């Protein structure tokens, strides 16, 4: 069961990473300042998400799905002990 939990964890990490990179691509497409702000300044990503909801919602939900899978895998691995 621990191996299955580890595989699910890796899948969640990959999905979350894809969503995060996609979010940054959307921010950089809007402008270089939005992209750099999302990388270096706290809470700019949240402001960008709110202001540009139509474009940024899909990558946000992909990243959220990945984080949910990571959380589920942690419970899966903890339950196998």
PDB file of N, CA and C in Angstrom:
ATOM      1  N   UNK A   1       0.822  -1.190   0.000  1.00  0.00           N
ATOM      2  CA  UNK A   1       0.000   0.000   0.000  1.00  0.00           C
ATOM      3  C   UNK A   1       0.867   1.255   0.000  1.00  0.00           C
ATOM      4  N   UNK A   2       2.038   1.171   0.609  1.00  0.00           N
ATOM      5  CA  UNK A   2       2.930   2.326   0.664  1.00  0.00           C
ATOM      6  C   UNK A   2       3.450   2.680  -0.738  1.00  0.00           C
ATOM      7  N   UNK A   3       3.674   1.657  -1.566  1.00  0.00           N
ATOM      8  CA  UNK A   3       4.150   1.921  -2.924  1.00  0.00           C
ATOM      9  C   UNK A   3       3.064   2.626  -3.731  1.00  0.00           C
ATOM     10  N   UNK A   4       1.815   2.189  -3.559  1.00  0.00           N
ATOM     11  CA  UNK A   4       0.707   2.850  -4.240  1.00  0.00           C
ATOM     12  C   UNK A   4       0.592   4.303  -3.776  1.00  0.00           C
ATOM     13  N   UNK A   5       0.735   4.531  -2.481  1.00  0.00           N
ATOM     14  CA  UNK A   5       0.699   5.889  -1.945  1.00  0.00           C
ATOM     15  C   UNK A   5       1.808   6.752  -2.514  1.00  0.00           C
ATOM     16  N   UNK A   6       2.990   6.175  -2.668  1.00  0.00           N
ATOM     17  CA  UNK A   6       4.119   6.919  -3.241  1.00  0.00           C
ATOM     18  C   UNK A   6       3.870   7.261  -4.707  1.00  0.00           C
ATOM     19  N   UNK A   7       3.303   6.328  -5.462  1.00  0.00           N
ATOM     20  CA  UNK A   7       2.993   6.592  -6.864  1.00  0.00           C
ATOM     21  C   UNK A   7       1.926   7.684  -7.003  1.00  0.00           C
ATOM     22  N   UNK A   8       0.929   7.638  -6.139  1.00  0.00           N
ATOM     23  CA  UNK A   8      -0.113   8.667  -6.158  1.00  0.00           C
ATOM     24  C   UNK A   8       0.483  10.014  -5.758  1.00  0.00           C
ATOM     25  N   UNK A   9       1.403  10.015  -4.804  1.00  0.00           N
ATOM     26  CA  UNK A   9       2.081  11.248  -4.395  1.00  0.00           C
ATOM     27  C   UNK A   9       2.866  11.854  -5.552  1.00  0.00           C
ATOM     28  N   UNK A  10       3.593  11.036  -6.273  1.00  0.00           N
ATOM     29  CA  UNK A  10       4.376  11.518  -7.412  1.00  0.00           C
ATOM     30  C   UNK A  10       3.446  12.068  -8.500  1.00  0.00           C
ATOM     31  N   UNK A  11       2.335  11.385  -8.751  1.00  0.00           N
ATOM     32  CA  UNK A  11       1.370  11.872  -9.743  1.00  0.00           C
ATOM     33  C   UNK A  11       0.805  13.225  -9.315  1.00  0.00           C
ATOM     34  N   UNK A  12       0.491  13.371  -8.034  1.00  0.00           N
ATOM     35  CA  UNK A  12      -0.016  14.640  -7.523  1.00  0.00           C
ATOM     36  C   UNK A  12       1.002  15.755  -7.648  1.00  0.00           C
ATOM     37  N   UNK A  13       2.255  15.442  -7.374  1.00  0.00           N
ATOM     38  CA  UNK A  13       3.315  16.444  -7.516  1.00  0.00           C
ATOM     39  C   UNK A  13       3.457  16.902  -8.964  1.00  0.00           C
ATOM     40  N   UNK A  14       3.387  15.962  -9.886  1.00  0.00           N
ATOM     41  CA  UNK A  14       3.516  16.310 -11.306  1.00  0.00           C
ATOM     42  C   UNK A  14       2.338  17.162 -11.752  1.00  0.00           C
ATOM     43  N   UNK A  15       1.121  16.788 -11.348  1.00  0.00           N
ATOM     44  CA  UNK A  15      -0.068  17.559 -11.727  1.00  0.00           C
ATOM     45  C   UNK A  15      -0.012  18.961 -11.136  1.00  0.00           C
ATOM     46  N   UNK A  16       0.394  19.059  -9.877  1.00  0.00           N
ATOM     47  CA  UNK A  16       0.503  20.368  -9.239  1.00  0.00           C
ATOM     48  C   UNK A  16       1.571  21.226  -9.910  1.00  0.00           C
ATOM     49  N   UNK A  17       2.675  20.625 -10.278  1.00  0.00           N
ATOM     50  CA  UNK A  17       3.745  21.351 -10.975  1.00  0.00           C
ATOM     51  C   UNK A  17       3.272  21.850 -12.333  1.00  0.00           C
ATOM     52  N   UNK A  18       2.535  21.023 -13.060  1.00  0.00           N
ATOM     53  CA  UNK A  18       1.994  21.431 -14.357  1.00  0.00           C
ATOM     54  C   UNK A  18       1.064  22.628 -14.186  1.00  0.00           C
ATOM     55  N   UNK A  19       0.191  22.573 -13.174  1.00  0.00           N
ATOM     56  CA  UNK A  19      -0.713  23.690 -12.923  1.00  0.00           C
ATOM     57  C   UNK A  19       0.026  24.965 -12.552  1.00  0.00           C
ATOM     58  N   UNK A  20       1.074  24.841 -11.744  1.00  0.00           N
ATOM     59  CA  UNK A  20       1.859  26.013 -11.351  1.00  0.00           C
ATOM     60  C   UNK A  20       2.601  26.647 -12.510  1.00  0.00           C
ATOM     61  N   UNK A  21       3.182  25.811 -13.353  1.00  0.00           N
ATOM     62  CA  UNK A  21       3.891  26.341 -14.517  1.00  0.00           C
ATOM     63  C   UNK A  21       2.906  26.973 -15.492  1.00  0.00           C
ATOM     64  N   UNK A  22       1.753  26.330 -15.678  1.00  0.00           N
ATOM     65  CA  UNK A  22       0.719  26.877 -16.563  1.00  0.00           C
ATOM     66  C   UNK A  22       0.251  28.238 -16.060  1.00  0.00           C
ATOM     67  N   UNK A  23       0.083  28.359 -14.727  1.00  0.00           N
ATOM     68  CA  UNK A  23      -0.319  29.630 -14.134  1.00  0.00           C
ATOM     69  C   UNK A  23       0.717  30.715 -14.437  1.00  0.00           C
ATOM     70  N   UNK A  24       1.992  30.383 -14.298  1.00  0.00           N
ATOM     71  CA  UNK A  24       3.047  31.355 -14.594  1.00  0.00           C
ATOM     72  C   UNK A  24       3.075  31.734 -16.069  1.00  0.00           C
ATOM     73  N   UNK A  25       2.814  30.774 -16.947  1.00  0.00           N
ATOM     74  CA  UNK A  25       2.766  31.080 -18.377  1.00  0.00           C
ATOM     75  C   UNK A  25       1.640  32.073 -18.661  1.00  0.00           C
ATOM     76  N   UNK A  26       0.479  31.861 -18.027  1.00  0.00           N
ATOM     77  CA  UNK A  26      -0.636  32.790 -18.205  1.00  0.00           C
ATOM     78  C   UNK A  26      -0.253  34.175 -17.684  1.00  0.00           C
ATOM     79  N   UNK A  27       0.414  34.232 -16.542  1.00  0.00           N
ATOM     80  CA  UNK A  27       0.828  35.523 -15.980  1.00  0.00           C
ATOM     81  C   UNK A  27       1.835  36.221 -16.880  1.00  0.00           C
ATOM     82  N   UNK A  28       2.807  35.488 -17.416  1.00  0.00           N
ATOM     83  CA  UNK A  28       3.796  36.099 -18.303  1.00  0.00           C
ATOM     84  C   UNK A  28       3.175  36.513 -19.635  1.00  0.00           C
ATOM     85  N   UNK A  29       2.145  35.810 -20.085  1.00  0.00           N
ATOM     86  CA  UNK A  29       1.461  36.227 -21.312  1.00  0.00           C
ATOM     87  C   UNK A  29       0.759  37.567 -21.119  1.00  0.00           C
ATOM     88  N   UNK A  30       0.285  37.806 -19.899  1.00  0.00           N
ATOM     89  CA  UNK A  30      -0.368  39.090 -19.617  1.00  0.00           C
ATOM     90  C   UNK A  30       0.668  40.213 -19.648  1.00  0.00           C
ATOM     91  N   UNK A  31       1.755  40.031 -18.926  1.00  0.00           N
ATOM     92  CA  UNK A  31       2.884  40.960 -19.000  1.00  0.00           C
ATOM     93  C   UNK A  31       4.049  40.380 -18.212  1.00  0.00           C
ATOM     94  N   UNK A  32       5.218  40.869 -18.538  1.00  0.00           N
ATOM     95  CA  UNK A  32       6.427  40.402 -17.836  1.00  0.00           C
ATOM     96  C   UNK A  32       6.368  40.774 -16.361  1.00  0.00           C
ATOM     97  N   UNK A  33       5.811  41.923 -16.047  1.00  0.00           N
ATOM     98  CA  UNK A  33       5.725  42.353 -14.647  1.00  0.00           C
ATOM     99  C   UNK A  33       4.798  41.445 -13.840  1.00  0.00           C
ATOM    100  N   UNK A  34       3.675  41.011 -14.429  1.00  0.00           N
ATOM    101  CA  UNK A  34       2.802  40.080 -13.719  1.00  0.00           C
ATOM    102  C   UNK A  34       3.540  38.767 -13.454  1.00  0.00           C
ATOM    103  N   UNK A  35       4.247  38.275 -14.447  1.00  0.00           N
ATOM    104  CA  UNK A  35       4.971  37.016 -14.283  1.00  0.00           C
ATOM    105  C   UNK A  35       6.044  37.099 -13.215  1.00  0.00           C
ATOM    106  N   UNK A  36       6.840  38.151 -13.273  1.00  0.00           N
ATOM    107  CA  UNK A  36       7.892  38.309 -12.259  1.00  0.00           C
ATOM    108  C   UNK A  36       7.295  38.560 -10.878  1.00  0.00           C
ATOM    109  N   UNK A  37       6.205  39.315 -10.843  1.00  0.00           N
ATOM    110  CA  UNK A  37       5.543  39.560  -9.566  1.00  0.00           C
ATOM    111  C   UNK A  37       5.014  38.276  -8.953  1.00  0.00           C
ATOM    112  N   UNK A  38       4.451  37.397  -9.785  1.00  0.00           N
ATOM    113  CA  UNK A  38       3.944  36.117  -9.273  1.00  0.00           C
ATOM    114  C   UNK A  38       5.064  35.244  -8.728  1.00  0.00           C
ATOM    115  N   UNK A  39       6.244  35.383  -9.295  1.00  0.00           N
ATOM    116  CA  UNK A  39       7.368  34.579  -8.819  1.00  0.00           C
ATOM    117  C   UNK A  39       7.972  35.160  -7.531  1.00  0.00           C
ATOM    118  N   UNK A  40       8.165  36.469  -7.489  1.00  0.00           N
ATOM    119  CA  UNK A  40       8.984  37.054  -6.428  1.00  0.00           C
ATOM    120  C   UNK A  40       8.233  37.791  -5.318  1.00  0.00           C
ATOM    121  N   UNK A  41       7.015  38.232  -5.548  1.00  0.00           N
ATOM    122  CA  UNK A  41       6.318  39.059  -4.557  1.00  0.00           C
ATOM    123  C   UNK A  41       5.142  38.281  -3.971  1.00  0.00           C
ATOM    124  N   UNK A  42       5.091  38.160  -2.658  1.00  0.00           N
ATOM    125  CA  UNK A  42       3.986  37.422  -2.033  1.00  0.00           C
ATOM    126  C   UNK A  42       2.631  38.042  -2.357  1.00  0.00           C
ATOM    127  N   UNK A  43       1.636  37.208  -2.527  1.00  0.00           N
ATOM    128  CA  UNK A  43       0.232  37.552  -2.748  1.00  0.00           C
ATOM    129  C   UNK A  43      -0.069  38.143  -4.120  1.00  0.00           C
ATOM    130  N   UNK A  44       0.931  38.379  -4.958  1.00  0.00           N
ATOM    131  CA  UNK A  44       0.654  38.878  -6.305  1.00  0.00           C
ATOM    132  C   UNK A  44      -0.081  37.804  -7.108  1.00  0.00           C
ATOM    133  N   UNK A  45       0.253  36.542  -6.882  1.00  0.00           N
ATOM    134  CA  UNK A  45      -0.444  35.461  -7.574  1.00  0.00           C
ATOM    135  C   UNK A  45      -1.930  35.462  -7.237  1.00  0.00           C
ATOM    136  N   UNK A  46      -2.245  35.723  -5.990  1.00  0.00           N
ATOM    137  CA  UNK A  46      -3.646  35.789  -5.579  1.00  0.00           C
ATOM    138  C   UNK A  46      -4.362  36.949  -6.260  1.00  0.00           C
ATOM    139  N   UNK A  47      -3.729  38.110  -6.302  1.00  0.00           N
ATOM    140  CA  UNK A  47      -4.313  39.261  -6.988  1.00  0.00           C
ATOM    141  C   UNK A  47      -4.484  38.982  -8.482  1.00  0.00           C
ATOM    142  N   UNK A  48      -3.470  38.352  -9.073  1.00  0.00           N
ATOM    143  CA  UNK A  48      -3.567  38.014 -10.491  1.00  0.00           C
ATOM    144  C   UNK A  48      -4.717  37.048 -10.730  1.00  0.00           C
ATOM    145  N   UNK A  49      -4.865  36.065  -9.863  1.00  0.00           N
ATOM    146  CA  UNK A  49      -5.956  35.098  -9.987  1.00  0.00           C
ATOM    147  C   UNK A  49      -7.312  35.786  -9.926  1.00  0.00           C
ATOM    148  N   UNK A  50      -7.477  36.709  -9.003  1.00  0.00           N
ATOM    149  CA  UNK A  50      -8.756  37.400  -8.855  1.00  0.00           C
ATOM    150  C   UNK A  50      -9.037  38.311 -10.051  1.00  0.00           C
ATOM    151  N   UNK A  51      -8.036  39.068 -10.465  1.00  0.00           N
ATOM    152  CA  UNK A  51      -8.226  40.033 -11.552  1.00  0.00           C
ATOM    153  C   UNK A  51      -8.407  39.330 -12.903  1.00  0.00           C
ATOM    154  N   UNK A  52      -7.660  38.259 -13.124  1.00  0.00           N
ATOM    155  CA  UNK A  52      -7.682  37.556 -14.408  1.00  0.00           C
ATOM    156  C   UNK A  52      -8.284  36.155 -14.247  1.00  0.00           C
ATOM    157  N   UNK A  53      -9.423  36.093 -13.576  1.00  0.00           N
ATOM    158  CA  UNK A  53     -10.053  34.809 -13.250  1.00  0.00           C
ATOM    159  C   UNK A  53     -10.319  33.964 -14.494  1.00  0.00           C
ATOM    160  N   UNK A  54     -10.796  34.584 -15.547  1.00  0.00           N
ATOM    161  CA  UNK A  54     -11.162  33.841 -16.755  1.00  0.00           C
ATOM    162  C   UNK A  54      -9.973  33.068 -17.325  1.00  0.00           C
ATOM    163  N   UNK A  55      -8.812  33.678 -17.342  1.00  0.00           N
ATOM    164  CA  UNK A  55      -7.624  33.037 -17.899  1.00  0.00           C
ATOM    165  C   UNK A  55      -6.887  32.166 -16.887  1.00  0.00           C
ATOM    166  N   UNK A  56      -6.906  32.554 -15.626  1.00  0.00           N
ATOM    167  CA  UNK A  56      -6.085  31.883 -14.621  1.00  0.00           C
ATOM    168  C   UNK A  56      -6.819  30.799 -13.841  1.00  0.00           C
ATOM    169  N   UNK A  57      -8.115  30.652 -14.041  1.00  0.00           N
ATOM    170  CA  UNK A  57      -8.866  29.690 -13.234  1.00  0.00           C
ATOM    171  C   UNK A  57      -8.512  28.240 -13.574  1.00  0.00           C
ATOM    172  N   UNK A  58      -8.324  27.921 -14.852  1.00  0.00           N
ATOM    173  CA  UNK A  58      -8.009  26.539 -15.226  1.00  0.00           C
ATOM    174  C   UNK A  58      -6.685  26.063 -14.633  1.00  0.00           C
ATOM    175  N   UNK A  59      -5.586  26.825 -14.791  1.00  0.00           N
ATOM    176  CA  UNK A  59      -4.347  26.357 -14.164  1.00  0.00           C
ATOM    177  C   UNK A  59      -4.433  26.319 -12.639  1.00  0.00           C
ATOM    178  N   UNK A  60      -5.211  27.234 -12.062  1.00  0.00           N
ATOM    179  CA  UNK A  60      -5.388  27.227 -10.609  1.00  0.00           C
ATOM    180  C   UNK A  60      -6.062  25.931 -10.162  1.00  0.00           C
ATOM    181  N   UNK A  61      -7.109  25.524 -10.874  1.00  0.00           N
ATOM    182  CA  UNK A  61      -7.820  24.309 -10.492  1.00  0.00           C
ATOM    183  C   UNK A  61      -6.999  23.050 -10.767  1.00  0.00           C
ATOM    184  N   UNK A  62      -6.166  23.058 -11.789  1.00  0.00           N
ATOM    185  CA  UNK A  62      -5.267  21.926 -12.028  1.00  0.00           C
ATOM    186  C   UNK A  62      -4.277  21.793 -10.872  1.00  0.00           C
ATOM    187  N   UNK A  63      -3.725  22.910 -10.446  1.00  0.00           N
ATOM    188  CA  UNK A  63      -2.803  22.896  -9.303  1.00  0.00           C
ATOM    189  C   UNK A  63      -3.519  22.465  -8.024  1.00  0.00           C
ATOM    190  N   UNK A  64      -4.745  22.925  -7.852  1.00  0.00           N
ATOM    191  CA  UNK A  64      -5.539  22.546  -6.689  1.00  0.00           C
ATOM    192  C   UNK A  64      -5.835  21.046  -6.709  1.00  0.00           C
ATOM    193  N   UNK A  65      -6.140  20.501  -7.877  1.00  0.00           N
ATOM    194  CA  UNK A  65      -6.360  19.061  -8.010  1.00  0.00           C
ATOM    195  C   UNK A  65      -5.102  18.288  -7.613  1.00  0.00           C
ATOM    196  N   UNK A  66      -3.946  18.747  -8.086  1.00  0.00           N
ATOM    197  CA  UNK A  66      -2.685  18.098  -7.718  1.00  0.00           C
ATOM    198  C   UNK A  66      -2.445  18.125  -6.222  1.00  0.00           C
ATOM    199  N   UNK A  67      -2.754  19.250  -5.588  1.00  0.00           N
ATOM    200  CA  UNK A  67      -2.580  19.341  -4.139  1.00  0.00           C
ATOM    201  C   UNK A  67      -3.548  18.414  -3.404  1.00  0.00           C
ATOM    202  N   UNK A  68      -4.753  18.274  -3.931  1.00  0.00           N
ATOM    203  CA  UNK A  68      -5.711  17.342  -3.335  1.00  0.00           C
ATOM    204  C   UNK A  68      -5.241  15.906  -3.447  1.00  0.00           C
ATOM    205  N   UNK A  69      -4.652  15.560  -4.584  1.00  0.00           N
ATOM    206  CA  UNK A  69      -4.112  14.213  -4.771  1.00  0.00           C
ATOM    207  C   UNK A  69      -2.938  13.976  -3.822  1.00  0.00           C
ATOM    208  N   UNK A  70      -2.107  14.982  -3.633  1.00  0.00           N
ATOM    209  CA  UNK A  70      -0.991  14.864  -2.681  1.00  0.00           C
ATOM    210  C   UNK A  70      -1.523  14.602  -1.278  1.00  0.00           C
ATOM    211  N   UNK A  71      -2.528  15.352  -0.884  1.00  0.00           N
ATOM    212  CA  UNK A  71      -3.126  15.178   0.442  1.00  0.00           C
ATOM    213  C   UNK A  71      -3.729  13.784   0.586  1.00  0.00           C
ATOM    214  N   UNK A  72      -4.424  13.318  -0.442  1.00  0.00           N
ATOM    215  CA  UNK A  72      -5.016  11.979  -0.393  1.00  0.00           C
ATOM    216  C   UNK A  72      -3.928  10.909  -0.284  1.00  0.00           C
ATOM    217  N   UNK A  73      -2.815  11.100  -0.977  1.00  0.00           N
ATOM    218  CA  UNK A  73      -1.740  10.109  -0.911  1.00  0.00           C
ATOM    219  C   UNK A  73      -1.094  10.075   0.468  1.00  0.00           C
ATOM    220  N   UNK A  74      -1.028  11.224   1.117  1.00  0.00           N
ATOM    221  CA  UNK A  74      -0.469  11.255   2.474  1.00  0.00           C
ATOM    222  C   UNK A  74      -1.348  10.442   3.416  1.00  0.00           C
ATOM    223  N   UNK A  75      -2.666  10.613   3.289  1.00  0.00           N
ATOM    224  CA  UNK A  75      -3.571   9.818   4.121  1.00  0.00           C
ATOM    225  C   UNK A  75      -3.504   8.338   3.756  1.00  0.00           C
ATOM    226  N   UNK A  76      -3.310   8.042   2.476  1.00  0.00           N
ATOM    227  CA  UNK A  76      -3.193   6.659   2.023  1.00  0.00           C
ATOM    228  C   UNK A  76      -1.951   6.006   2.616  1.00  0.00           C
ATOM    229  N   UNK A  77      -0.840   6.716   2.624  1.00  0.00           N
ATOM    230  CA  UNK A  77       0.403   6.162   3.162  1.00  0.00           C
ATOM    231  C   UNK A  77       0.341   6.094   4.687  1.00  0.00           C
ATOM    232  N   UNK A  78      -0.292   7.054   5.328  1.00  0.00           N
ATOM    233  CA  UNK A  78      -0.373   7.039   6.788  1.00  0.00           C
ATOM    234  C   UNK A  78      -1.269   5.891   7.257  1.00  0.00           C
ATOM    235  N   UNK A  79      -2.300   5.586   6.499  1.00  0.00           N
ATOM    236  CA  UNK A  79      -3.209   4.496   6.860  1.00  0.00           C
ATOM    237  C   UNK A  79      -2.604   3.131   6.659  1.00  0.00           C
ATOM    238  N   UNK A  80      -1.539   3.030   5.884  1.00  0.00           N
ATOM    239  CA  UNK A  80      -0.940   1.729   5.611  1.00  0.00           C
ATOM    240  C   UNK A  80       0.018   1.280   6.718  1.00  0.00           C
ATOM    241  N   UNK A  81       0.341   2.146   7.664  1.00  0.00           N
ATOM    242  CA  UNK A  81       1.267   1.768   8.752  1.00  0.00           C
ATOM    243  C   UNK A  81       0.588   0.940   9.760  1.00  0.00           C
TER     244      UNK A  81
END
